[in-house]
Protein backbone atom coordinates (compact mmCIF):
# COMPACT_ATOMS: atom_id res chain seq x y z
CA UNK A 1 -48.79 52.51 -25.86
CA UNK A 2 -47.65 48.96 -24.40
CA UNK A 3 -50.06 46.59 -23.30
CA UNK A 4 -49.21 43.15 -21.35
CA UNK A 5 -48.86 41.13 -24.35
CA UNK A 6 -45.85 43.12 -25.46
CA UNK A 7 -43.73 42.26 -22.33
CA UNK A 8 -44.66 38.41 -22.59
CA UNK A 9 -41.65 37.42 -24.90
CA UNK A 10 -39.28 38.90 -22.52
CA UNK A 11 -40.68 37.53 -19.42
CA UNK A 12 -40.71 34.21 -21.00
CA UNK A 13 -36.95 34.55 -22.29
CA UNK A 14 -36.03 35.32 -18.78
CA UNK A 15 -37.92 32.44 -17.22
CA UNK A 16 -36.31 30.05 -19.92
CA UNK A 17 -32.83 31.49 -19.14
CA UNK A 18 -33.62 30.90 -15.30
CA UNK A 19 -34.61 27.54 -15.57
CA UNK A 20 -31.66 26.63 -17.80
CA UNK A 21 -29.15 28.06 -15.39
CA UNK A 22 -30.89 26.04 -12.53
CA UNK A 23 -30.74 22.75 -14.60
CA UNK A 24 -27.08 23.53 -15.69
CA UNK A 25 -26.10 24.33 -11.88
CA UNK A 26 -27.78 21.19 -10.70
CA UNK A 27 -25.74 19.00 -13.20
CA UNK A 28 -22.69 20.63 -12.33
CA UNK A 29 -23.25 20.15 -8.60
CA UNK A 30 -23.92 16.48 -9.14
CA UNK A 31 -20.73 15.66 -11.55
CA UNK A 32 -18.49 17.34 -8.75
CA UNK A 33 -20.41 14.95 -6.20
CA UNK A 34 -19.94 11.90 -8.39
CA UNK A 35 -15.95 12.69 -8.66
CA UNK A 36 -15.60 13.00 -5.15
CA UNK A 37 -17.41 9.80 -4.29
CA UNK A 38 -14.88 7.77 -6.41
CA UNK A 39 -12.31 5.26 -4.70
CA UNK A 40 -9.14 6.92 -4.21
CA UNK A 41 -5.88 4.76 -4.94
CA UNK A 42 -4.42 3.89 -1.69
CA UNK A 43 -1.51 6.28 -0.35
CA UNK A 44 2.06 4.98 -1.08
CA UNK A 45 3.84 3.14 1.72
CA UNK A 46 7.17 4.44 2.74
CA UNK A 47 9.94 2.15 3.64
CA UNK A 48 12.46 3.78 6.30
CA UNK A 49 15.22 1.60 7.01
CA UNK A 50 16.56 1.52 10.47
CA UNK A 51 19.90 2.85 11.01
CA UNK A 52 22.46 0.03 11.69
CA UNK A 53 25.54 0.20 13.53
CA UNK A 54 28.30 -2.14 14.21
CA UNK A 55 26.90 -3.28 17.39
CA UNK A 56 23.24 -3.64 16.08
CA UNK A 57 21.84 -7.21 15.11
CA UNK A 58 22.73 -8.30 11.70
CA UNK A 59 20.15 -7.00 8.88
CA UNK A 60 18.69 -10.42 8.29
CA UNK A 61 17.84 -10.78 11.82
CA UNK A 62 16.19 -7.59 12.06
CA UNK A 63 13.93 -8.25 8.85
CA UNK A 64 12.89 -11.50 9.90
CA UNK A 65 11.42 -9.74 13.23
CA UNK A 66 9.89 -6.97 10.74
CA UNK A 67 8.28 -9.34 8.25
CA UNK A 68 7.86 -12.30 10.35
CA UNK A 69 10.50 -14.66 8.16
CA UNK A 70 11.23 -17.93 9.41
CA UNK A 71 15.03 -19.24 9.65
CA UNK A 72 15.10 -21.52 6.93
CA UNK A 73 13.55 -18.72 4.45
CA UNK A 74 16.11 -16.28 5.83
CA UNK A 75 18.74 -18.95 5.22
CA UNK A 76 17.41 -19.39 1.75
CA UNK A 77 17.50 -15.71 0.94
CA UNK A 78 20.97 -15.46 2.51
CA UNK A 79 21.93 -18.20 0.00
CA UNK A 80 20.59 -16.35 -2.94
CA UNK A 81 21.70 -13.20 -2.24
CA UNK A 82 25.09 -14.43 -1.95
CA UNK A 83 25.06 -16.36 -5.07
CA UNK A 84 23.88 -12.77 -6.55
CA UNK A 85 20.46 -14.13 -7.66
CA UNK A 86 18.77 -11.11 -6.29
CA UNK A 87 15.48 -11.71 -8.42
CA UNK A 88 14.91 -15.37 -6.93
CA UNK A 89 15.81 -13.73 -3.63
CA UNK A 90 12.92 -10.88 -4.21
CA UNK A 91 10.56 -13.85 -5.18
CA UNK A 92 11.32 -15.91 -1.85
CA UNK A 93 10.92 -12.98 0.25
CA UNK A 94 7.65 -11.89 -1.46
CA UNK A 95 6.06 -15.39 -1.15
CA UNK A 96 6.96 -15.63 2.65
CA UNK A 97 5.81 -11.86 3.51
CA UNK A 98 2.92 -9.37 2.44
CA UNK A 99 5.40 -7.10 0.81
CA UNK A 100 4.86 -5.49 -2.43
CA UNK A 101 7.36 -5.65 -5.41
CA UNK A 102 9.18 -2.38 -4.82
CA UNK A 103 9.45 -2.94 -0.96
CA UNK A 104 10.70 -6.42 -1.36
CA UNK A 105 13.14 -5.29 -4.00
CA UNK A 106 14.60 -2.52 -1.80
CA UNK A 107 14.99 -4.96 1.16
CA UNK A 108 17.05 -7.37 -0.91
CA UNK A 109 19.08 -4.35 -2.35
CA UNK A 110 19.94 -3.78 1.34
CA UNK A 111 20.02 -7.23 2.56
CA UNK A 112 23.34 -8.21 4.37
CA UNK A 113 24.33 -11.61 4.52
CA UNK A 114 24.99 -12.79 8.05
CA UNK A 115 27.83 -15.58 7.79
CA UNK A 116 27.78 -15.83 11.65
CA UNK A 117 23.99 -15.86 11.97
CA UNK A 118 22.58 -18.82 14.06
CA UNK A 119 19.96 -19.63 11.52
CA UNK A 120 22.41 -20.74 9.02
CA UNK A 121 23.52 -23.65 11.00
CA UNK A 122 19.86 -24.81 10.83
CA UNK A 123 19.64 -25.32 7.18
CA UNK A 124 23.42 -25.56 6.31
CA UNK A 125 22.98 -29.33 5.94
CA UNK A 126 19.73 -29.24 3.97
CA UNK A 127 21.21 -26.54 1.15
CA UNK A 128 24.84 -27.50 1.16
CA UNK A 129 24.67 -29.57 -1.83
CA UNK A 130 22.85 -27.07 -3.80
CA UNK A 131 24.90 -24.03 -2.80
CA UNK A 132 27.75 -25.69 -4.60
CA UNK A 133 26.34 -25.12 -7.96
CA UNK A 134 27.16 -21.67 -9.64
CA UNK A 135 25.93 -20.34 -12.82
CA UNK A 136 29.26 -20.53 -14.26
CA UNK A 137 29.84 -23.91 -13.47
CA UNK A 138 26.50 -25.54 -14.20
CA UNK A 139 26.71 -28.65 -16.08
CA UNK A 140 24.72 -31.58 -16.31
CA UNK A 141 27.27 -33.52 -14.27
CA UNK A 142 27.54 -30.90 -11.55
CA UNK A 143 23.99 -30.78 -11.29
CA UNK A 144 23.37 -34.42 -11.25
CA UNK A 145 26.02 -34.61 -8.37
CA UNK A 146 24.19 -32.03 -6.64
CA UNK A 147 20.78 -33.26 -6.61
CA UNK A 148 18.99 -35.97 -4.75
CA UNK A 149 18.58 -39.28 -6.81
CA UNK A 150 14.91 -38.85 -6.70
CA UNK A 151 15.29 -35.58 -8.38
CA UNK A 152 17.76 -36.95 -11.12
CA UNK A 153 15.22 -39.57 -12.04
CA UNK A 154 12.56 -37.23 -12.48
CA UNK A 155 14.58 -34.96 -14.79
CA UNK A 156 15.69 -38.13 -16.88
CA UNK A 157 12.18 -39.11 -16.86
CA UNK A 158 11.05 -35.60 -18.33
CA UNK A 159 13.77 -35.26 -20.52
CA UNK A 160 13.18 -38.87 -22.44
CA UNK A 161 9.30 -37.87 -22.30
CA UNK A 162 9.95 -34.52 -24.18
CA UNK A 163 9.03 -32.18 -21.34
CA UNK A 164 12.12 -29.98 -21.27
CA UNK A 165 10.01 -26.89 -19.59
CA UNK A 166 8.85 -29.19 -16.79
CA UNK A 167 12.49 -30.43 -16.32
CA UNK A 168 13.82 -26.77 -16.44
CA UNK A 169 11.37 -25.61 -13.60
CA UNK A 170 12.73 -28.81 -11.54
CA UNK A 171 16.24 -27.83 -11.85
CA UNK A 172 15.47 -24.13 -11.09
CA UNK A 173 13.63 -24.97 -8.14
CA UNK A 174 16.06 -27.48 -6.64
CA UNK A 175 19.49 -25.46 -7.83
CA UNK A 176 18.58 -21.94 -7.51
CA UNK A 177 20.02 -21.48 -11.02
CA UNK A 178 18.42 -18.83 -13.27
CA UNK A 179 16.37 -19.63 -16.47
CA UNK A 180 19.16 -19.40 -19.04
CA UNK A 181 21.55 -21.62 -17.04
CA UNK A 182 18.81 -24.20 -16.06
CA UNK A 183 17.87 -24.32 -20.06
CA UNK A 184 21.55 -24.77 -20.98
CA UNK A 185 21.88 -27.63 -18.48
CA UNK A 186 18.60 -29.42 -19.88
CA UNK A 187 19.57 -28.93 -23.39
CA UNK A 188 22.94 -30.80 -22.80
CA UNK A 189 21.33 -33.50 -20.45
CA UNK A 190 21.89 -36.65 -21.63
CA UNK A 191 20.67 -40.23 -20.61
CA UNK A 192 22.01 -41.38 -17.36
CA UNK A 193 24.19 -44.15 -17.92
CA UNK A 194 25.12 -46.51 -15.21
CA UNK A 195 28.66 -47.54 -14.78
């Protein structure tokens, strides 16, 4: 005959399994709840270019209304795109808008330079000297001729002081040349001789 004490281990084992199941289930619910409260990455933005026709406004002016670019900035981007300096154009576009790298790259890839746009006349005198410098024809003498005297004096001083990196930066800022071309110009830069 069985008394109550013989069934006690089975009762204890059942209670133990039930308690462990409740604890494991509770932990599982907490883990799932914590996973769902993690911050989610933002949804990717999709850029859909407006279709252009022959009668529509130039792409540059359409982009100025979209991103709030000013005519001098658009003219600078036009100049850089026309010179084949897309990386610099992307940088200028990103500096003057809230676009990400991919969006700015896509816009520059589809940028059409408008030679008849009214905004080009507003800055044509300001950038006339700099636009004549092409990467293939970048020599110290052509850069000297294109830059204002104050910038040439600064570059002379920097080269004399042994600060070629700052001088290269100045050449890049004022000519739109790439890093390699600017470095070659500064490497060949000699002291300015007055004749």
